N, C-alpha and C. Protein backbone atom coordinates (compact mmCIF):
# COMPACT_ATOMS: atom_id res chain seq x y z
N UNK A 1 -9.20 -58.27 -148.01
CA UNK A 1 -8.14 -58.02 -147.04
C UNK A 1 -7.39 -59.33 -146.80
N UNK A 2 -6.11 -59.24 -146.70
CA UNK A 2 -5.24 -60.39 -146.48
C UNK A 2 -5.44 -60.94 -145.06
N UNK A 3 -5.60 -62.26 -144.93
CA UNK A 3 -5.77 -62.84 -143.59
C UNK A 3 -4.64 -62.48 -142.62
N UNK A 4 -3.42 -62.37 -143.13
CA UNK A 4 -2.29 -61.99 -142.27
C UNK A 4 -2.48 -60.60 -141.70
N UNK A 5 -3.07 -59.72 -142.48
CA UNK A 5 -3.34 -58.35 -142.01
C UNK A 5 -4.41 -58.38 -140.92
N UNK A 6 -5.44 -59.17 -141.12
CA UNK A 6 -6.51 -59.29 -140.12
C UNK A 6 -5.94 -59.82 -138.81
N UNK A 7 -5.12 -60.87 -138.88
CA UNK A 7 -4.53 -61.45 -137.67
C UNK A 7 -3.62 -60.44 -136.97
N UNK A 8 -2.83 -59.72 -137.74
CA UNK A 8 -1.96 -58.69 -137.15
C UNK A 8 -2.79 -57.59 -136.51
N UNK A 9 -3.86 -57.18 -137.17
CA UNK A 9 -4.73 -56.15 -136.62
C UNK A 9 -5.39 -56.60 -135.31
N UNK A 10 -5.76 -57.87 -135.23
CA UNK A 10 -6.33 -58.40 -133.99
C UNK A 10 -5.29 -58.37 -132.87
N UNK A 11 -4.08 -58.77 -133.20
CA UNK A 11 -2.99 -58.75 -132.20
C UNK A 11 -2.74 -57.32 -131.72
N UNK A 12 -2.65 -56.39 -132.65
CA UNK A 12 -2.38 -54.99 -132.29
C UNK A 12 -3.54 -54.40 -131.50
N UNK A 13 -4.76 -54.75 -131.86
CA UNK A 13 -5.92 -54.26 -131.11
C UNK A 13 -5.85 -54.71 -129.66
N UNK A 14 -5.39 -55.92 -129.43
CA UNK A 14 -5.23 -56.41 -128.06
C UNK A 14 -4.18 -55.60 -127.32
N UNK A 15 -3.05 -55.38 -127.97
CA UNK A 15 -1.95 -54.64 -127.34
C UNK A 15 -2.38 -53.21 -127.03
N UNK A 16 -3.12 -52.61 -127.95
CA UNK A 16 -3.58 -51.23 -127.77
C UNK A 16 -4.80 -51.13 -126.86
N UNK A 17 -5.48 -52.24 -126.64
CA UNK A 17 -6.72 -52.21 -125.89
C UNK A 17 -7.83 -51.51 -126.66
N UNK A 18 -7.82 -51.68 -127.97
CA UNK A 18 -8.75 -50.99 -128.85
C UNK A 18 -9.91 -51.94 -129.20
N UNK A 19 -11.00 -51.81 -128.44
CA UNK A 19 -12.15 -52.70 -128.63
C UNK A 19 -12.78 -52.54 -130.01
N UNK A 20 -12.89 -51.31 -130.49
CA UNK A 20 -13.52 -51.09 -131.80
C UNK A 20 -12.71 -51.78 -132.90
N UNK A 21 -11.41 -51.65 -132.83
CA UNK A 21 -10.53 -52.29 -133.82
C UNK A 21 -10.63 -53.82 -133.71
N UNK A 22 -10.71 -54.33 -132.50
CA UNK A 22 -10.82 -55.78 -132.30
C UNK A 22 -12.13 -56.29 -132.89
N UNK A 23 -13.22 -55.59 -132.62
CA UNK A 23 -14.52 -56.02 -133.15
C UNK A 23 -14.54 -55.92 -134.68
N UNK A 24 -14.01 -54.84 -135.20
CA UNK A 24 -13.98 -54.64 -136.66
C UNK A 24 -13.20 -55.77 -137.34
N UNK A 25 -12.07 -56.14 -136.78
CA UNK A 25 -11.26 -57.18 -137.40
C UNK A 25 -11.80 -58.58 -137.12
N UNK A 26 -12.51 -58.76 -136.03
CA UNK A 26 -13.19 -60.04 -135.81
C UNK A 26 -14.26 -60.23 -136.88
N UNK A 27 -15.01 -59.16 -137.18
CA UNK A 27 -16.00 -59.23 -138.26
C UNK A 27 -15.32 -59.50 -139.60
N UNK A 28 -14.20 -58.81 -139.83
CA UNK A 28 -13.46 -59.01 -141.09
C UNK A 28 -13.00 -60.46 -141.22
N UNK A 29 -12.56 -61.05 -140.11
CA UNK A 29 -12.12 -62.45 -140.14
C UNK A 29 -13.25 -63.35 -140.61
N UNK A 30 -14.44 -63.11 -140.08
CA UNK A 30 -15.58 -63.93 -140.48
C UNK A 30 -16.01 -63.62 -141.91
N UNK A 31 -16.00 -62.35 -142.28
CA UNK A 31 -16.37 -61.95 -143.65
C UNK A 31 -15.46 -62.59 -144.69
N UNK A 32 -14.19 -62.74 -144.34
CA UNK A 32 -13.23 -63.32 -145.28
C UNK A 32 -13.02 -64.81 -145.05
N UNK A 33 -13.96 -65.42 -144.29
CA UNK A 33 -13.98 -66.86 -144.06
C UNK A 33 -12.70 -67.39 -143.44
N UNK A 34 -12.10 -66.56 -142.60
CA UNK A 34 -10.94 -66.99 -141.83
C UNK A 34 -11.46 -67.85 -140.68
N UNK A 35 -10.79 -68.95 -140.40
CA UNK A 35 -11.20 -69.82 -139.31
C UNK A 35 -11.22 -69.00 -138.02
N UNK A 36 -12.36 -68.95 -137.32
CA UNK A 36 -12.43 -68.13 -136.11
C UNK A 36 -11.47 -68.59 -135.02
N UNK A 37 -11.16 -69.88 -134.97
CA UNK A 37 -10.18 -70.36 -134.00
C UNK A 37 -8.79 -69.83 -134.33
N UNK A 38 -8.50 -69.74 -135.59
CA UNK A 38 -7.22 -69.16 -136.01
C UNK A 38 -7.16 -67.69 -135.62
N UNK A 39 -8.28 -66.98 -135.76
CA UNK A 39 -8.33 -65.57 -135.38
C UNK A 39 -8.02 -65.41 -133.89
N UNK A 40 -8.53 -66.34 -133.09
CA UNK A 40 -8.28 -66.29 -131.64
C UNK A 40 -6.82 -66.64 -131.36
N UNK A 41 -6.36 -67.75 -131.90
CA UNK A 41 -5.02 -68.24 -131.58
C UNK A 41 -3.90 -67.38 -132.14
N UNK A 42 -4.03 -66.96 -133.40
CA UNK A 42 -2.95 -66.23 -134.05
C UNK A 42 -3.12 -64.71 -134.00
N UNK A 43 -4.24 -64.26 -133.51
CA UNK A 43 -4.48 -62.82 -133.39
C UNK A 43 -4.65 -62.41 -131.95
N UNK A 44 -5.82 -62.69 -131.40
CA UNK A 44 -6.15 -62.25 -130.04
C UNK A 44 -5.20 -62.81 -128.99
N UNK A 45 -4.96 -64.11 -129.03
CA UNK A 45 -4.11 -64.73 -128.00
C UNK A 45 -2.67 -64.25 -128.07
N UNK A 46 -2.17 -64.02 -129.27
CA UNK A 46 -0.80 -63.51 -129.40
C UNK A 46 -0.69 -62.11 -128.80
N UNK A 47 -1.71 -61.29 -129.06
CA UNK A 47 -1.72 -59.95 -128.46
C UNK A 47 -1.82 -60.01 -126.95
N UNK A 48 -2.67 -60.90 -126.45
CA UNK A 48 -2.81 -61.06 -125.00
C UNK A 48 -1.50 -61.52 -124.39
N UNK A 49 -0.80 -62.41 -125.06
CA UNK A 49 0.48 -62.90 -124.54
C UNK A 49 1.49 -61.76 -124.43
N UNK A 50 1.49 -60.88 -125.40
CA UNK A 50 2.41 -59.73 -125.37
C UNK A 50 2.07 -58.81 -124.20
N UNK A 51 0.78 -58.56 -124.00
CA UNK A 51 0.37 -57.73 -122.86
C UNK A 51 0.79 -58.40 -121.55
N UNK A 52 0.62 -59.71 -121.46
CA UNK A 52 1.03 -60.45 -120.26
C UNK A 52 2.53 -60.37 -120.02
N UNK A 53 3.31 -60.50 -121.08
CA UNK A 53 4.77 -60.38 -120.95
C UNK A 53 5.15 -58.98 -120.48
N UNK A 54 4.52 -57.98 -121.04
CA UNK A 54 4.82 -56.61 -120.63
C UNK A 54 4.46 -56.39 -119.16
N UNK A 55 3.37 -57.01 -118.72
CA UNK A 55 2.98 -56.91 -117.31
C UNK A 55 4.05 -57.54 -116.42
N UNK A 56 4.51 -58.74 -116.80
CA UNK A 56 5.53 -59.42 -116.02
C UNK A 56 6.82 -58.64 -115.95
N UNK A 57 7.13 -57.89 -117.02
CA UNK A 57 8.36 -57.11 -117.07
C UNK A 57 8.20 -55.72 -116.46
N UNK A 58 7.02 -55.41 -115.98
CA UNK A 58 6.79 -54.10 -115.37
C UNK A 58 6.56 -52.98 -116.37
N UNK A 59 6.34 -53.34 -117.63
CA UNK A 59 6.10 -52.34 -118.67
C UNK A 59 4.61 -52.06 -118.85
N UNK A 60 3.77 -52.92 -118.33
CA UNK A 60 2.32 -52.75 -118.37
C UNK A 60 1.80 -52.98 -116.95
N UNK A 61 0.62 -52.47 -116.69
CA UNK A 61 0.08 -52.51 -115.33
C UNK A 61 -1.31 -53.12 -115.34
N UNK A 62 -1.89 -53.30 -114.15
CA UNK A 62 -3.18 -53.94 -114.02
C UNK A 62 -4.25 -53.33 -114.93
N UNK A 63 -4.35 -52.00 -115.03
CA UNK A 63 -5.36 -51.44 -115.95
C UNK A 63 -5.16 -51.90 -117.40
N UNK A 64 -3.89 -52.10 -117.79
CA UNK A 64 -3.62 -52.59 -119.15
C UNK A 64 -4.14 -54.02 -119.32
N UNK A 65 -3.96 -54.85 -118.29
CA UNK A 65 -4.50 -56.22 -118.34
C UNK A 65 -6.01 -56.22 -118.40
N UNK A 66 -6.63 -55.35 -117.62
CA UNK A 66 -8.09 -55.25 -117.61
C UNK A 66 -8.61 -54.81 -118.98
N UNK A 67 -7.94 -53.84 -119.56
CA UNK A 67 -8.35 -53.35 -120.87
C UNK A 67 -8.18 -54.45 -121.92
N UNK A 68 -7.08 -55.19 -121.85
CA UNK A 68 -6.86 -56.29 -122.80
C UNK A 68 -7.93 -57.36 -122.64
N UNK A 69 -8.30 -57.66 -121.41
CA UNK A 69 -9.34 -58.67 -121.16
C UNK A 69 -10.68 -58.21 -121.74
N UNK A 70 -10.99 -56.95 -121.57
CA UNK A 70 -12.24 -56.41 -122.12
C UNK A 70 -12.20 -56.43 -123.65
N UNK A 71 -11.05 -56.13 -124.22
CA UNK A 71 -10.89 -56.15 -125.68
C UNK A 71 -11.05 -57.57 -126.21
N UNK A 72 -10.45 -58.53 -125.53
CA UNK A 72 -10.57 -59.94 -125.89
C UNK A 72 -12.04 -60.35 -125.88
N UNK A 73 -12.74 -60.01 -124.81
CA UNK A 73 -14.16 -60.36 -124.68
C UNK A 73 -14.99 -59.71 -125.77
N UNK A 74 -14.66 -58.49 -126.10
CA UNK A 74 -15.40 -57.76 -127.13
C UNK A 74 -15.29 -58.46 -128.49
N UNK A 75 -14.09 -58.88 -128.83
CA UNK A 75 -13.89 -59.59 -130.10
C UNK A 75 -14.55 -60.97 -130.06
N UNK A 76 -14.51 -61.61 -128.90
CA UNK A 76 -15.10 -62.95 -128.78
C UNK A 76 -16.62 -62.92 -128.94
N UNK A 77 -17.25 -61.80 -128.61
CA UNK A 77 -18.69 -61.69 -128.84
C UNK A 77 -19.01 -61.91 -130.32
N UNK A 78 -18.11 -61.50 -131.18
CA UNK A 78 -18.29 -61.66 -132.63
C UNK A 78 -17.90 -63.07 -133.07
N UNK A 79 -16.79 -63.57 -132.56
CA UNK A 79 -16.24 -64.84 -133.03
C UNK A 79 -16.91 -66.07 -132.42
N UNK A 80 -17.39 -65.95 -131.20
CA UNK A 80 -17.91 -67.11 -130.47
C UNK A 80 -19.04 -67.85 -131.18
N UNK A 81 -20.02 -67.17 -131.76
CA UNK A 81 -21.07 -67.93 -132.47
C UNK A 81 -20.51 -68.81 -133.60
N UNK A 82 -19.52 -68.31 -134.31
CA UNK A 82 -18.92 -69.10 -135.39
C UNK A 82 -18.12 -70.27 -134.82
N UNK A 83 -17.45 -70.04 -133.70
CA UNK A 83 -16.70 -71.12 -133.05
C UNK A 83 -17.67 -72.18 -132.54
N UNK A 84 -18.76 -71.75 -131.92
CA UNK A 84 -19.76 -72.70 -131.43
C UNK A 84 -20.35 -73.53 -132.56
N UNK A 85 -20.58 -72.90 -133.70
CA UNK A 85 -21.13 -73.62 -134.85
C UNK A 85 -20.15 -74.70 -135.32
N UNK A 86 -18.87 -74.39 -135.32
CA UNK A 86 -17.86 -75.39 -135.69
C UNK A 86 -17.84 -76.54 -134.69
N UNK A 87 -17.94 -76.20 -133.42
CA UNK A 87 -17.86 -77.21 -132.37
C UNK A 87 -19.04 -78.18 -132.42
N UNK A 88 -20.19 -77.69 -132.82
CA UNK A 88 -21.36 -78.57 -132.92
C UNK A 88 -21.10 -79.66 -133.95
N UNK A 89 -20.35 -79.32 -134.98
CA UNK A 89 -20.05 -80.29 -136.01
C UNK A 89 -18.97 -81.28 -135.56
N UNK A 90 -18.06 -80.82 -134.71
CA UNK A 90 -16.90 -81.63 -134.34
C UNK A 90 -17.05 -82.34 -133.01
N UNK A 91 -17.97 -81.92 -132.17
CA UNK A 91 -18.08 -82.51 -130.84
C UNK A 91 -17.17 -81.80 -129.85
N UNK A 92 -17.34 -82.11 -128.59
CA UNK A 92 -16.56 -81.46 -127.53
C UNK A 92 -15.59 -82.47 -126.91
N UNK A 93 -14.37 -82.01 -126.60
CA UNK A 93 -13.39 -82.92 -126.00
C UNK A 93 -13.62 -83.19 -124.52
N UNK A 94 -14.43 -82.36 -123.87
CA UNK A 94 -14.68 -82.57 -122.45
C UNK A 94 -15.42 -81.41 -121.82
N UNK A 95 -15.58 -81.52 -120.52
CA UNK A 95 -16.32 -80.51 -119.75
C UNK A 95 -15.43 -80.05 -118.60
N UNK A 96 -15.45 -78.74 -118.32
CA UNK A 96 -14.63 -78.16 -117.27
C UNK A 96 -15.53 -77.35 -116.34
N UNK A 97 -15.33 -77.53 -115.03
CA UNK A 97 -16.01 -76.70 -114.04
C UNK A 97 -15.00 -75.66 -113.58
N UNK A 98 -15.41 -74.39 -113.60
CA UNK A 98 -14.50 -73.31 -113.25
C UNK A 98 -15.20 -72.30 -112.36
N UNK A 99 -14.44 -71.65 -111.53
CA UNK A 99 -14.95 -70.60 -110.66
C UNK A 99 -13.80 -70.05 -109.85
N UNK A 100 -14.06 -68.98 -109.11
CA UNK A 100 -13.04 -68.48 -108.19
C UNK A 100 -13.43 -68.92 -106.79
N UNK A 101 -12.46 -69.26 -105.99
CA UNK A 101 -12.71 -69.84 -104.67
C UNK A 101 -13.30 -68.83 -103.70
N UNK A 102 -13.92 -69.36 -102.68
CA UNK A 102 -14.52 -68.53 -101.64
C UNK A 102 -13.50 -67.50 -101.17
N UNK A 103 -13.96 -66.26 -101.06
CA UNK A 103 -13.10 -65.17 -100.63
C UNK A 103 -12.48 -64.39 -101.78
N UNK A 104 -12.61 -64.90 -102.99
CA UNK A 104 -12.05 -64.21 -104.16
C UNK A 104 -13.19 -63.77 -105.07
N UNK A 105 -13.31 -62.48 -105.28
CA UNK A 105 -14.39 -61.97 -106.11
C UNK A 105 -13.87 -61.45 -107.46
N UNK A 106 -12.63 -61.76 -107.78
CA UNK A 106 -12.06 -61.33 -109.06
C UNK A 106 -12.34 -62.37 -110.13
N UNK A 107 -12.76 -61.92 -111.30
CA UNK A 107 -13.14 -62.90 -112.31
C UNK A 107 -12.44 -62.72 -113.66
N UNK A 108 -11.51 -61.80 -113.76
CA UNK A 108 -10.88 -61.53 -115.06
C UNK A 108 -10.12 -62.74 -115.57
N UNK A 109 -9.24 -63.28 -114.75
CA UNK A 109 -8.47 -64.45 -115.17
C UNK A 109 -9.36 -65.64 -115.46
N UNK A 110 -10.35 -65.84 -114.60
CA UNK A 110 -11.31 -66.95 -114.79
C UNK A 110 -12.02 -66.80 -116.13
N UNK A 111 -12.43 -65.59 -116.44
CA UNK A 111 -13.15 -65.36 -117.70
C UNK A 111 -12.26 -65.59 -118.91
N UNK A 112 -11.01 -65.20 -118.82
CA UNK A 112 -10.09 -65.43 -119.93
C UNK A 112 -9.86 -66.93 -120.12
N UNK A 113 -9.60 -67.64 -119.02
CA UNK A 113 -9.39 -69.09 -119.11
C UNK A 113 -10.64 -69.76 -119.67
N UNK A 114 -11.82 -69.35 -119.21
CA UNK A 114 -13.07 -69.93 -119.72
C UNK A 114 -13.19 -69.74 -121.22
N UNK A 115 -12.89 -68.54 -121.67
CA UNK A 115 -12.99 -68.25 -123.10
C UNK A 115 -12.02 -69.09 -123.91
N UNK A 116 -10.79 -69.19 -123.43
CA UNK A 116 -9.79 -69.99 -124.15
C UNK A 116 -10.21 -71.46 -124.18
N UNK A 117 -10.70 -71.98 -123.06
CA UNK A 117 -11.17 -73.37 -123.04
C UNK A 117 -12.33 -73.57 -124.01
N UNK A 118 -13.25 -72.62 -124.04
CA UNK A 118 -14.39 -72.73 -124.96
C UNK A 118 -13.91 -72.70 -126.41
N UNK A 119 -12.92 -71.87 -126.72
CA UNK A 119 -12.43 -71.83 -128.09
C UNK A 119 -11.75 -73.14 -128.48
N UNK A 120 -11.29 -73.89 -127.49
CA UNK A 120 -10.68 -75.19 -127.76
C UNK A 120 -11.71 -76.31 -127.76
N UNK A 121 -12.99 -75.93 -127.58
CA UNK A 121 -14.06 -76.90 -127.72
C UNK A 121 -14.63 -77.45 -126.43
N UNK A 122 -14.06 -77.10 -125.30
CA UNK A 122 -14.55 -77.62 -124.03
C UNK A 122 -15.88 -76.97 -123.66
N UNK A 123 -16.74 -77.75 -123.03
CA UNK A 123 -17.94 -77.19 -122.43
C UNK A 123 -17.50 -76.66 -121.07
N UNK A 124 -17.77 -75.39 -120.80
CA UNK A 124 -17.34 -74.77 -119.56
C UNK A 124 -18.55 -74.49 -118.69
N UNK A 125 -18.52 -75.02 -117.47
CA UNK A 125 -19.55 -74.76 -116.48
C UNK A 125 -18.94 -73.74 -115.52
N UNK A 126 -19.39 -72.49 -115.63
CA UNK A 126 -18.83 -71.39 -114.84
C UNK A 126 -19.68 -71.18 -113.60
N UNK A 127 -19.10 -71.46 -112.44
CA UNK A 127 -19.82 -71.30 -111.18
C UNK A 127 -19.79 -69.87 -110.66
N UNK A 128 -18.98 -69.02 -111.27
CA UNK A 128 -18.93 -67.62 -110.87
C UNK A 128 -17.80 -67.35 -109.89
N UNK A 129 -18.02 -66.37 -109.01
CA UNK A 129 -16.99 -65.93 -108.07
C UNK A 129 -17.40 -66.26 -106.64
N UNK A 130 -16.41 -66.29 -105.76
CA UNK A 130 -16.65 -66.51 -104.33
C UNK A 130 -17.38 -67.83 -104.09
N UNK A 131 -16.87 -68.91 -104.71
CA UNK A 131 -17.53 -70.21 -104.71
C UNK A 131 -16.92 -71.11 -103.62
N UNK A 132 -17.78 -71.74 -102.86
CA UNK A 132 -17.33 -72.65 -101.79
C UNK A 132 -16.78 -73.94 -102.40
N UNK A 133 -15.87 -74.60 -101.67
CA UNK A 133 -15.37 -75.89 -102.15
C UNK A 133 -16.50 -76.90 -102.35
N UNK A 134 -17.50 -76.84 -101.49
CA UNK A 134 -18.63 -77.76 -101.61
C UNK A 134 -19.38 -77.56 -102.93
N UNK A 135 -19.48 -76.30 -103.35
CA UNK A 135 -20.18 -76.02 -104.61
C UNK A 135 -19.43 -76.63 -105.79
N UNK A 136 -18.09 -76.60 -105.74
CA UNK A 136 -17.31 -77.25 -106.81
C UNK A 136 -17.59 -78.75 -106.81
N UNK A 137 -17.54 -79.36 -105.64
CA UNK A 137 -17.79 -80.80 -105.53
C UNK A 137 -19.19 -81.13 -106.03
N UNK A 138 -20.18 -80.35 -105.60
CA UNK A 138 -21.56 -80.59 -106.03
C UNK A 138 -21.71 -80.47 -107.54
N UNK A 139 -21.07 -79.47 -108.12
CA UNK A 139 -21.15 -79.27 -109.57
C UNK A 139 -20.57 -80.45 -110.32
N UNK A 140 -19.45 -80.94 -109.84
CA UNK A 140 -18.82 -82.09 -110.49
C UNK A 140 -19.68 -83.33 -110.32
N UNK A 141 -20.25 -83.51 -109.16
CA UNK A 141 -21.11 -84.67 -108.89
C UNK A 141 -22.36 -84.65 -109.76
N UNK A 142 -22.95 -83.48 -109.94
CA UNK A 142 -24.14 -83.35 -110.77
C UNK A 142 -23.81 -83.60 -112.24
N UNK A 143 -22.66 -83.11 -112.67
CA UNK A 143 -22.25 -83.25 -114.07
C UNK A 143 -21.87 -84.69 -114.39
N UNK A 144 -21.11 -85.30 -113.50
CA UNK A 144 -20.60 -86.65 -113.75
C UNK A 144 -20.79 -87.50 -112.50
N UNK A 145 -22.04 -87.98 -112.28
CA UNK A 145 -22.32 -88.73 -111.04
C UNK A 145 -21.58 -90.03 -110.92
């Protein structure tokens, strides 16, 4: 299968919210030795950007964003081990502490940002949801005293 077809299929799977198609093409990307970071950047992320643009224009709604986020995560389950293996060879550019602030229990955006940062090689320390400011400070202090 042509790498361009795999990347297009990943993008379309994101737009359609088709988890099975996303997982199938994530496997195909690895089977055909396509760089998993390229699969994320030129496939999944492009599809996510289109869904985001449609949301901003009022053509897509919150359920569409949720479905896209779940589709992204589904494909990343396949691609992440290969990305992690590459990162072990190359090293990490830094560490990021992330979480949602106290009073906010929504984690979709946080999870997407975490995944994107991880694909770029950052070590992500995810504190979760409804996190106090003190917990952020403590996490940073423990990580980098």
